[in-house]
Each structure stands twice: as structure tokens, then as C-alpha cells.
């Protein structure tokens, strides 16, 4: 992105990105370079988790889950899921 992306100052901002371009044959595309970060299971109500899924669809981005569960409401409202696998330390 440019230093001032909304003003088109030096370089135009291209709000798009790809995930997994190094190894994926068909990497998913982000239309905006923002993802919904994973939250611990139970930290939001079912309505809140469904809202994050619907917000992700409206903004063309992904829900990320760091090994936690996903409520049926959230799954219904989500389109693309990126599973985040992290080693325990």
C-alpha cells in the first residue's frame, strides 16, 4: 500500500491479497487485506459470532479459527474458513 492510500499520493493502493501463494495451487483471494481474527470459543454470544461471519461475507474476507470451535450460527453465516494451526509452546 502507499503511504496515504486514500489520497493516491505516490503509489495507488490495491486493496487485494492472496493467501498461500507459495504452496497453494489455487490460493484464495482477499478482496480487502483484512481477516477476522480467531477468538476463543465462548468469548462471543452466538449472535455475535454469526455477525462476524455475516460481516466477513459483506466485506469479502475470511474467518480465521485458531483451533477453537465454531458455532452453527457462525458457520451458517460464513462463506470461507481459514483454519489457523499453531504449535503449542
PDB file of N, CA and C in Angstrom:
ATOM      1  N   UNK A   1       0.829  -1.179   0.000  1.00  0.00           N
ATOM      2  CA  UNK A   1       0.000   0.000   0.000  1.00  0.00           C
ATOM      3  C   UNK A   1       0.875   1.244   0.000  1.00  0.00           C
ATOM      4  N   UNK A   2       0.313   2.295  -0.492  1.00  0.00           N
ATOM      5  CA  UNK A   2       1.046   3.546  -0.462  1.00  0.00           C
ATOM      6  C   UNK A   2       0.982   4.156   0.929  1.00  0.00           C
ATOM      7  N   UNK A   3       1.776   5.170   1.134  1.00  0.00           N
ATOM      8  CA  UNK A   3       1.822   5.829   2.437  1.00  0.00           C
ATOM      9  C   UNK A   3       0.472   6.442   2.788  1.00  0.00           C
ATOM     10  N   UNK A   4      -0.174   7.061   1.842  1.00  0.00           N
ATOM     11  CA  UNK A   4      -1.500   7.651   2.024  1.00  0.00           C
ATOM     12  C   UNK A   4      -2.447   6.997   1.013  1.00  0.00           C
ATOM     13  N   UNK A   5      -2.929   5.784   1.294  1.00  0.00           N
ATOM     14  CA  UNK A   5      -3.669   5.044   0.270  1.00  0.00           C
ATOM     15  C   UNK A   5      -4.959   5.712  -0.182  1.00  0.00           C
ATOM     16  N   UNK A   6      -5.609   6.482   0.669  1.00  0.00           N
ATOM     17  CA  UNK A   6      -6.870   7.088   0.265  1.00  0.00           C
ATOM     18  C   UNK A   6      -6.678   8.316  -0.609  1.00  0.00           C
ATOM     19  N   UNK A   7      -5.497   8.911  -0.563  1.00  0.00           N
ATOM     20  CA  UNK A   7      -5.244  10.104  -1.357  1.00  0.00           C
ATOM     21  C   UNK A   7      -4.564   9.790  -2.683  1.00  0.00           C
ATOM     22  N   UNK A   8      -4.088   8.564  -2.876  1.00  0.00           N
ATOM     23  CA  UNK A   8      -3.380   8.235  -4.096  1.00  0.00           C
ATOM     24  C   UNK A   8      -2.099   9.024  -4.237  1.00  0.00           C
ATOM     25  N   UNK A   9      -1.419   9.249  -3.121  1.00  0.00           N
ATOM     26  CA  UNK A   9      -0.273  10.149  -3.055  1.00  0.00           C
ATOM     27  C   UNK A   9       0.867   9.739  -3.990  1.00  0.00           C
ATOM     28  N   UNK A  10       1.517   8.626  -3.705  1.00  0.00           N
ATOM     29  CA  UNK A  10       2.645   8.204  -4.543  1.00  0.00           C
ATOM     30  C   UNK A  10       2.316   6.959  -5.351  1.00  0.00           C
ATOM     31  N   UNK A  11       1.841   5.955  -4.667  1.00  0.00           N
ATOM     32  CA  UNK A  11       1.506   4.699  -5.322  1.00  0.00           C
ATOM     33  C   UNK A  11       0.036   4.398  -5.064  1.00  0.00           C
ATOM     34  N   UNK A  12      -0.670   3.951  -6.063  1.00  0.00           N
ATOM     35  CA  UNK A  12      -2.072   3.623  -5.822  1.00  0.00           C
ATOM     36  C   UNK A  12      -2.187   2.394  -4.917  1.00  0.00           C
ATOM     37  N   UNK A  13      -3.157   2.409  -4.050  1.00  0.00           N
ATOM     38  CA  UNK A  13      -3.398   1.268  -3.170  1.00  0.00           C
ATOM     39  C   UNK A  13      -4.223   0.236  -3.926  1.00  0.00           C
ATOM     40  N   UNK A  14      -3.795  -0.992  -3.853  1.00  0.00           N
ATOM     41  CA  UNK A  14      -4.546  -2.087  -4.451  1.00  0.00           C
ATOM     42  C   UNK A  14      -5.015  -2.962  -3.296  1.00  0.00           C
ATOM     43  N   UNK A  15      -6.238  -2.753  -2.842  1.00  0.00           N
ATOM     44  CA  UNK A  15      -6.706  -3.487  -1.667  1.00  0.00           C
ATOM     45  C   UNK A  15      -7.112  -4.914  -2.002  1.00  0.00           C
ATOM     46  N   UNK A  16      -6.120  -5.747  -2.286  1.00  0.00           N
ATOM     47  CA  UNK A  16      -6.391  -7.128  -2.612  1.00  0.00           C
ATOM     48  C   UNK A  16      -5.173  -7.943  -2.203  1.00  0.00           C
ATOM     49  N   UNK A  17      -5.393  -9.155  -1.832  1.00  0.00           N
ATOM     50  CA  UNK A  17      -4.282 -10.006  -1.463  1.00  0.00           C
ATOM     51  C   UNK A  17      -4.632 -11.462  -1.683  1.00  0.00           C
ATOM     52  N   UNK A  18      -3.628 -12.308  -1.630  1.00  0.00           N
ATOM     53  CA  UNK A  18      -3.816 -13.742  -1.783  1.00  0.00           C
ATOM     54  C   UNK A  18      -3.231 -14.442  -0.571  1.00  0.00           C
ATOM     55  N   UNK A  19      -3.802 -15.560  -0.203  1.00  0.00           N
ATOM     56  CA  UNK A  19      -3.282 -16.372   0.893  1.00  0.00           C
ATOM     57  C   UNK A  19      -2.697 -17.654   0.329  1.00  0.00           C
ATOM     58  N   UNK A  20      -1.522 -18.029   0.782  1.00  0.00           N
ATOM     59  CA  UNK A  20      -0.934 -19.308   0.401  1.00  0.00           C
ATOM     60  C   UNK A  20      -0.378 -19.375  -0.999  1.00  0.00           C
ATOM     61  N   UNK A  21       0.131 -18.284  -1.523  1.00  0.00           N
ATOM     62  CA  UNK A  21       0.628 -18.292  -2.903  1.00  0.00           C
ATOM     63  C   UNK A  21       1.899 -19.115  -3.066  1.00  0.00           C
ATOM     64  N   UNK A  22       2.568 -19.394  -1.981  1.00  0.00           N
ATOM     65  CA  UNK A  22       3.825 -20.142  -2.075  1.00  0.00           C
ATOM     66  C   UNK A  22       3.589 -21.615  -2.404  1.00  0.00           C
ATOM     67  N   UNK A  23       2.576 -22.222  -1.793  1.00  0.00           N
ATOM     68  CA  UNK A  23       2.365 -23.654  -1.986  1.00  0.00           C
ATOM     69  C   UNK A  23       1.009 -24.010  -2.598  1.00  0.00           C
ATOM     70  N   UNK A  24       0.036 -23.146  -2.502  1.00  0.00           N
ATOM     71  CA  UNK A  24      -1.316 -23.482  -2.959  1.00  0.00           C
ATOM     72  C   UNK A  24      -1.417 -23.444  -4.477  1.00  0.00           C
ATOM     73  N   UNK A  25      -2.126 -24.419  -5.024  1.00  0.00           N
ATOM     74  CA  UNK A  25      -2.364 -24.427  -6.463  1.00  0.00           C
ATOM     75  C   UNK A  25      -3.428 -23.406  -6.843  1.00  0.00           C
ATOM     76  N   UNK A  26      -4.374 -23.208  -5.959  1.00  0.00           N
ATOM     77  CA  UNK A  26      -5.468 -22.283  -6.214  1.00  0.00           C
ATOM     78  C   UNK A  26      -5.681 -21.429  -4.967  1.00  0.00           C
ATOM     79  N   UNK A  27      -4.808 -20.447  -4.697  1.00  0.00           N
ATOM     80  CA  UNK A  27      -4.892 -19.691  -3.442  1.00  0.00           C
ATOM     81  C   UNK A  27      -6.147 -18.824  -3.373  1.00  0.00           C
ATOM     82  N   UNK A  28      -6.769 -18.747  -2.194  1.00  0.00           N
ATOM     83  CA  UNK A  28      -7.936 -17.877  -2.053  1.00  0.00           C
ATOM     84  C   UNK A  28      -7.529 -16.410  -2.115  1.00  0.00           C
ATOM     85  N   UNK A  29      -8.418 -15.601  -2.648  1.00  0.00           N
ATOM     86  CA  UNK A  29      -8.134 -14.178  -2.828  1.00  0.00           C
ATOM     87  C   UNK A  29      -8.926 -13.359  -1.819  1.00  0.00           C
ATOM     88  N   UNK A  30      -8.254 -12.417  -1.205  1.00  0.00           N
ATOM     89  CA  UNK A  30      -8.907 -11.450  -0.325  1.00  0.00           C
ATOM     90  C   UNK A  30      -9.164 -10.198  -1.142  1.00  0.00           C
ATOM     91  N   UNK A  31     -10.398  -9.750  -1.181  1.00  0.00           N
ATOM     92  CA  UNK A  31     -10.668  -8.513  -1.904  1.00  0.00           C
ATOM     93  C   UNK A  31     -10.223  -7.302  -1.101  1.00  0.00           C
ATOM     94  N   UNK A  32     -10.162  -7.456   0.209  1.00  0.00           N
ATOM     95  CA  UNK A  32      -9.558  -6.443   1.070  1.00  0.00           C
ATOM     96  C   UNK A  32      -8.581  -7.178   1.975  1.00  0.00           C
ATOM     97  N   UNK A  33      -7.441  -6.605   2.303  1.00  0.00           N
ATOM     98  CA  UNK A  33      -6.419  -7.321   3.073  1.00  0.00           C
ATOM     99  C   UNK A  33      -6.698  -7.352   4.574  1.00  0.00           C
ATOM    100  N   UNK A  34      -7.896  -7.781   4.956  1.00  0.00           N
ATOM    101  CA  UNK A  34      -8.276  -7.863   6.363  1.00  0.00           C
ATOM    102  C   UNK A  34      -8.941  -9.208   6.595  1.00  0.00           C
ATOM    103  N   UNK A  35      -8.591  -9.875   7.670  1.00  0.00           N
ATOM    104  CA  UNK A  35      -9.280 -11.104   8.051  1.00  0.00           C
ATOM    105  C   UNK A  35      -9.875 -10.926   9.431  1.00  0.00           C
ATOM    106  N   UNK A  36     -10.860 -11.747   9.750  1.00  0.00           N
ATOM    107  CA  UNK A  36     -11.458 -11.725  11.076  1.00  0.00           C
ATOM    108  C   UNK A  36     -10.642 -12.665  11.943  1.00  0.00           C
ATOM    109  N   UNK A  37     -10.005 -12.124  12.955  1.00  0.00           N
ATOM    110  CA  UNK A  37      -9.122 -12.922  13.809  1.00  0.00           C
ATOM    111  C   UNK A  37      -9.923 -13.910  14.630  1.00  0.00           C
ATOM    112  N   UNK A  38      -9.299 -15.027  14.929  1.00  0.00           N
ATOM    113  CA  UNK A  38      -9.939 -16.034  15.752  1.00  0.00           C
ATOM    114  C   UNK A  38     -10.085 -15.563  17.189  1.00  0.00           C
ATOM    115  N   UNK A  39     -11.195 -15.927  17.784  1.00  0.00           N
ATOM    116  CA  UNK A  39     -11.451 -15.602  19.189  1.00  0.00           C
ATOM    117  C   UNK A  39     -11.674 -16.906  19.929  1.00  0.00           C
ATOM    118  N   UNK A  40     -11.371 -16.924  21.193  1.00  0.00           N
ATOM    119  CA  UNK A  40     -11.545 -18.160  21.947  1.00  0.00           C
ATOM    120  C   UNK A  40     -13.017 -18.547  21.970  1.00  0.00           C
ATOM    121  N   UNK A  41     -13.250 -19.837  21.957  1.00  0.00           N
ATOM    122  CA  UNK A  41     -14.611 -20.366  21.915  1.00  0.00           C
ATOM    123  C   UNK A  41     -15.375 -19.909  23.147  1.00  0.00           C
ATOM    124  N   UNK A  42     -16.528 -19.322  22.951  1.00  0.00           N
ATOM    125  CA  UNK A  42     -17.336 -18.841  24.061  1.00  0.00           C
ATOM    126  C   UNK A  42     -17.114 -17.384  24.411  1.00  0.00           C
ATOM    127  N   UNK A  43     -16.184 -16.709  23.730  1.00  0.00           N
ATOM    128  CA  UNK A  43     -15.918 -15.304  24.059  1.00  0.00           C
ATOM    129  C   UNK A  43     -17.002 -14.373  23.522  1.00  0.00           C
ATOM    130  N   UNK A  44     -17.719 -14.809  22.506  1.00  0.00           N
ATOM    131  CA  UNK A  44     -18.831 -14.035  21.954  1.00  0.00           C
ATOM    132  C   UNK A  44     -20.101 -14.870  22.015  1.00  0.00           C
ATOM    133  N   UNK A  45     -21.231 -14.201  22.048  1.00  0.00           N
ATOM    134  CA  UNK A  45     -22.509 -14.912  22.006  1.00  0.00           C
ATOM    135  C   UNK A  45     -22.706 -15.508  20.611  1.00  0.00           C
ATOM    136  N   UNK A  46     -23.694 -16.381  20.486  1.00  0.00           N
ATOM    137  CA  UNK A  46     -23.995 -16.981  19.184  1.00  0.00           C
ATOM    138  C   UNK A  46     -24.361 -15.903  18.168  1.00  0.00           C
ATOM    139  N   UNK A  47     -25.116 -14.900  18.596  1.00  0.00           N
ATOM    140  CA  UNK A  47     -25.471 -13.793  17.693  1.00  0.00           C
ATOM    141  C   UNK A  47     -24.231 -13.018  17.262  1.00  0.00           C
ATOM    142  N   UNK A  48     -23.323 -12.788  18.201  1.00  0.00           N
ATOM    143  CA  UNK A  48     -22.090 -12.065  17.892  1.00  0.00           C
ATOM    144  C   UNK A  48     -21.219 -12.824  16.913  1.00  0.00           C
ATOM    145  N   UNK A  49     -21.106 -14.136  17.098  1.00  0.00           N
ATOM    146  CA  UNK A  49     -20.295 -14.934  16.182  1.00  0.00           C
ATOM    147  C   UNK A  49     -20.943 -15.026  14.810  1.00  0.00           C
ATOM    148  N   UNK A  50     -22.279 -15.118  14.778  1.00  0.00           N
ATOM    149  CA  UNK A  50     -22.972 -15.089  13.491  1.00  0.00           C
ATOM    150  C   UNK A  50     -22.762 -13.764  12.785  1.00  0.00           C
ATOM    151  N   UNK A  51     -22.721 -12.692  13.564  1.00  0.00           N
ATOM    152  CA  UNK A  51     -22.483 -11.364  12.995  1.00  0.00           C
ATOM    153  C   UNK A  51     -21.104 -11.228  12.387  1.00  0.00           C
ATOM    154  N   UNK A  52     -20.090 -11.834  13.014  1.00  0.00           N
ATOM    155  CA  UNK A  52     -18.746 -11.764  12.421  1.00  0.00           C
ATOM    156  C   UNK A  52     -18.703 -12.538  11.110  1.00  0.00           C
ATOM    157  N   UNK A  53     -19.422 -13.655  11.049  1.00  0.00           N
ATOM    158  CA  UNK A  53     -19.480 -14.417   9.801  1.00  0.00           C
ATOM    159  C   UNK A  53     -20.162 -13.631   8.697  1.00  0.00           C
ATOM    160  N   UNK A  54     -21.288 -13.007   9.017  1.00  0.00           N
ATOM    161  CA  UNK A  54     -22.009 -12.204   8.027  1.00  0.00           C
ATOM    162  C   UNK A  54     -21.192 -10.984   7.623  1.00  0.00           C
ATOM    163  N   UNK A  55     -20.513 -10.377   8.576  1.00  0.00           N
ATOM    164  CA  UNK A  55     -19.645  -9.244   8.252  1.00  0.00           C
ATOM    165  C   UNK A  55     -18.528  -9.647   7.310  1.00  0.00           C
ATOM    166  N   UNK A  56     -17.998 -10.844   7.499  1.00  0.00           N
ATOM    167  CA  UNK A  56     -16.957 -11.343   6.605  1.00  0.00           C
ATOM    168  C   UNK A  56     -17.445 -11.508   5.179  1.00  0.00           C
ATOM    169  N   UNK A  57     -18.674 -12.008   5.036  1.00  0.00           N
ATOM    170  CA  UNK A  57     -19.241 -12.149   3.695  1.00  0.00           C
ATOM    171  C   UNK A  57     -19.447 -10.770   3.069  1.00  0.00           C
ATOM    172  N   UNK A  58     -19.974  -9.839   3.848  1.00  0.00           N
ATOM    173  CA  UNK A  58     -20.230  -8.493   3.328  1.00  0.00           C
ATOM    174  C   UNK A  58     -18.951  -7.779   2.921  1.00  0.00           C
ATOM    175  N   UNK A  59     -17.846  -8.078   3.573  1.00  0.00           N
ATOM    176  CA  UNK A  59     -16.566  -7.417   3.277  1.00  0.00           C
ATOM    177  C   UNK A  59     -15.654  -8.275   2.415  1.00  0.00           C
ATOM    178  N   UNK A  60     -16.120  -9.401   1.934  1.00  0.00           N
ATOM    179  CA  UNK A  60     -15.344 -10.314   1.088  1.00  0.00           C
ATOM    180  C   UNK A  60     -14.057 -10.780   1.750  1.00  0.00           C
ATOM    181  N   UNK A  61     -14.147 -11.197   2.997  1.00  0.00           N
ATOM    182  CA  UNK A  61     -12.935 -11.698   3.636  1.00  0.00           C
ATOM    183  C   UNK A  61     -13.208 -13.007   4.345  1.00  0.00           C
ATOM    184  N   UNK A  62     -12.241 -13.483   5.125  1.00  0.00           N
ATOM    185  CA  UNK A  62     -12.299 -14.811   5.715  1.00  0.00           C
ATOM    186  C   UNK A  62     -12.437 -14.763   7.221  1.00  0.00           C
ATOM    187  N   UNK A  63     -13.018 -15.807   7.763  1.00  0.00           N
ATOM    188  CA  UNK A  63     -12.986 -16.044   9.199  1.00  0.00           C
ATOM    189  C   UNK A  63     -11.813 -16.970   9.475  1.00  0.00           C
ATOM    190  N   UNK A  64     -11.039 -16.652  10.473  1.00  0.00           N
ATOM    191  CA  UNK A  64      -9.887 -17.461  10.857  1.00  0.00           C
ATOM    192  C   UNK A  64     -10.190 -18.119  12.187  1.00  0.00           C
ATOM    193  N   UNK A  65      -9.938 -19.405  12.299  1.00  0.00           N
ATOM    194  CA  UNK A  65     -10.194 -20.123  13.539  1.00  0.00           C
ATOM    195  C   UNK A  65      -8.901 -20.750  14.048  1.00  0.00           C
ATOM    196  N   UNK A  66      -8.430 -20.326  15.220  1.00  0.00           N
ATOM    197  CA  UNK A  66      -7.184 -20.892  15.761  1.00  0.00           C
ATOM    198  C   UNK A  66      -7.442 -22.133  16.604  1.00  0.00           C
ATOM    199  N   UNK A  67      -7.976 -23.174  16.011  1.00  0.00           N
ATOM    200  CA  UNK A  67      -8.148 -24.439  16.715  1.00  0.00           C
ATOM    201  C   UNK A  67      -9.372 -24.516  17.595  1.00  0.00           C
ATOM    202  N   UNK A  68     -10.104 -23.442  17.751  1.00  0.00           N
ATOM    203  CA  UNK A  68     -11.299 -23.459  18.587  1.00  0.00           C
ATOM    204  C   UNK A  68     -12.507 -23.951  17.819  1.00  0.00           C
ATOM    205  N   UNK A  69     -13.618 -24.022  18.495  1.00  0.00           N
ATOM    206  CA  UNK A  69     -14.839 -24.474  17.855  1.00  0.00           C
ATOM    207  C   UNK A  69     -15.501 -23.374  17.054  1.00  0.00           C
ATOM    208  N   UNK A  70     -16.505 -23.775  16.335  1.00  0.00           N
ATOM    209  CA  UNK A  70     -17.269 -22.823  15.542  1.00  0.00           C
ATOM    210  C   UNK A  70     -18.736 -23.156  15.754  1.00  0.00           C
ATOM    211  N   UNK A  71     -19.505 -22.180  16.153  1.00  0.00           N
ATOM    212  CA  UNK A  71     -20.916 -22.433  16.418  1.00  0.00           C
ATOM    213  C   UNK A  71     -21.667 -22.618  15.101  1.00  0.00           C
ATOM    214  N   UNK A  72     -22.794 -23.338  15.136  1.00  0.00           N
ATOM    215  CA  UNK A  72     -23.588 -23.494  13.907  1.00  0.00           C
ATOM    216  C   UNK A  72     -24.023 -22.146  13.322  1.00  0.00           C
ATOM    217  N   UNK A  73     -24.329 -21.174  14.181  1.00  0.00           N
ATOM    218  CA  UNK A  73     -24.733 -19.848  13.702  1.00  0.00           C
ATOM    219  C   UNK A  73     -23.608 -19.172  12.922  1.00  0.00           C
ATOM    220  N   UNK A  74     -22.408 -19.315  13.432  1.00  0.00           N
ATOM    221  CA  UNK A  74     -21.258 -18.700  12.759  1.00  0.00           C
ATOM    222  C   UNK A  74     -20.968 -19.400  11.438  1.00  0.00           C
ATOM    223  N   UNK A  75     -21.070 -20.711  11.422  1.00  0.00           N
ATOM    224  CA  UNK A  75     -20.810 -21.477  10.204  1.00  0.00           C
ATOM    225  C   UNK A  75     -21.841 -21.145   9.124  1.00  0.00           C
ATOM    226  N   UNK A  76     -23.106 -20.993   9.531  1.00  0.00           N
ATOM    227  CA  UNK A  76     -24.159 -20.641   8.574  1.00  0.00           C
ATOM    228  C   UNK A  76     -23.888 -19.297   7.913  1.00  0.00           C
ATOM    229  N   UNK A  77     -23.345 -18.361   8.675  1.00  0.00           N
ATOM    230  CA  UNK A  77     -23.141 -17.002   8.184  1.00  0.00           C
ATOM    231  C   UNK A  77     -21.784 -16.801   7.521  1.00  0.00           C
ATOM    232  N   UNK A  78     -20.933 -17.817   7.514  1.00  0.00           N
ATOM    233  CA  UNK A  78     -19.590 -17.684   6.943  1.00  0.00           C
ATOM    234  C   UNK A  78     -19.550 -18.333   5.572  1.00  0.00           C
ATOM    235  N   UNK A  79     -18.718 -17.799   4.727  1.00  0.00           N
ATOM    236  CA  UNK A  79     -18.577 -18.337   3.383  1.00  0.00           C
ATOM    237  C   UNK A  79     -17.271 -19.112   3.229  1.00  0.00           C
ATOM    238  N   UNK A  80     -16.169 -18.551   3.677  1.00  0.00           N
ATOM    239  CA  UNK A  80     -14.856 -19.174   3.544  1.00  0.00           C
ATOM    240  C   UNK A  80     -14.182 -19.199   4.903  1.00  0.00           C
ATOM    241  N   UNK A  81     -13.623 -20.341   5.254  1.00  0.00           N
ATOM    242  CA  UNK A  81     -12.959 -20.506   6.540  1.00  0.00           C
ATOM    243  C   UNK A  81     -11.486 -20.809   6.314  1.00  0.00           C
ATOM    244  N   UNK A  82     -10.625 -20.104   7.022  1.00  0.00           N
ATOM    245  CA  UNK A  82      -9.195 -20.386   7.019  1.00  0.00           C
ATOM    246  C   UNK A  82      -8.865 -20.947   8.385  1.00  0.00           C
ATOM    247  N   UNK A  83      -8.400 -22.192   8.431  1.00  0.00           N
ATOM    248  CA  UNK A  83      -8.068 -22.815   9.703  1.00  0.00           C
ATOM    249  C   UNK A  83      -6.625 -22.485  10.042  1.00  0.00           C
ATOM    250  N   UNK A  84      -6.408 -21.924  11.192  1.00  0.00           N
ATOM    251  CA  UNK A  84      -5.078 -21.499  11.627  1.00  0.00           C
ATOM    252  C   UNK A  84      -4.516 -22.559  12.563  1.00  0.00           C
ATOM    253  N   UNK A  85      -3.406 -23.158  12.195  1.00  0.00           N
ATOM    254  CA  UNK A  85      -2.776 -24.189  13.010  1.00  0.00           C
ATOM    255  C   UNK A  85      -1.492 -23.626  13.601  1.00  0.00           C
ATOM    256  N   UNK A  86      -1.416 -23.583  14.917  1.00  0.00           N
ATOM    257  CA  UNK A  86      -0.239 -23.047  15.599  1.00  0.00           C
ATOM    258  C   UNK A  86       0.338 -24.099  16.537  1.00  0.00           C
ATOM    259  N   UNK A  87       1.656 -24.217  16.592  1.00  0.00           N
ATOM    260  CA  UNK A  87       2.252 -25.155  17.546  1.00  0.00           C
ATOM    261  C   UNK A  87       2.118 -24.624  18.969  1.00  0.00           C
ATOM    262  N   UNK A  88       1.911 -25.521  19.902  1.00  0.00           N
ATOM    263  CA  UNK A  88       1.851 -25.110  21.311  1.00  0.00           C
ATOM    264  C   UNK A  88       3.247 -24.819  21.811  1.00  0.00           C
ATOM    265  N   UNK A  89       3.359 -23.851  22.678  1.00  0.00           N
ATOM    266  CA  UNK A  89       4.672 -23.501  23.221  1.00  0.00           C
ATOM    267  C   UNK A  89       4.659 -23.602  24.709  1.00  0.00           C
TER     268      UNK A  89
END
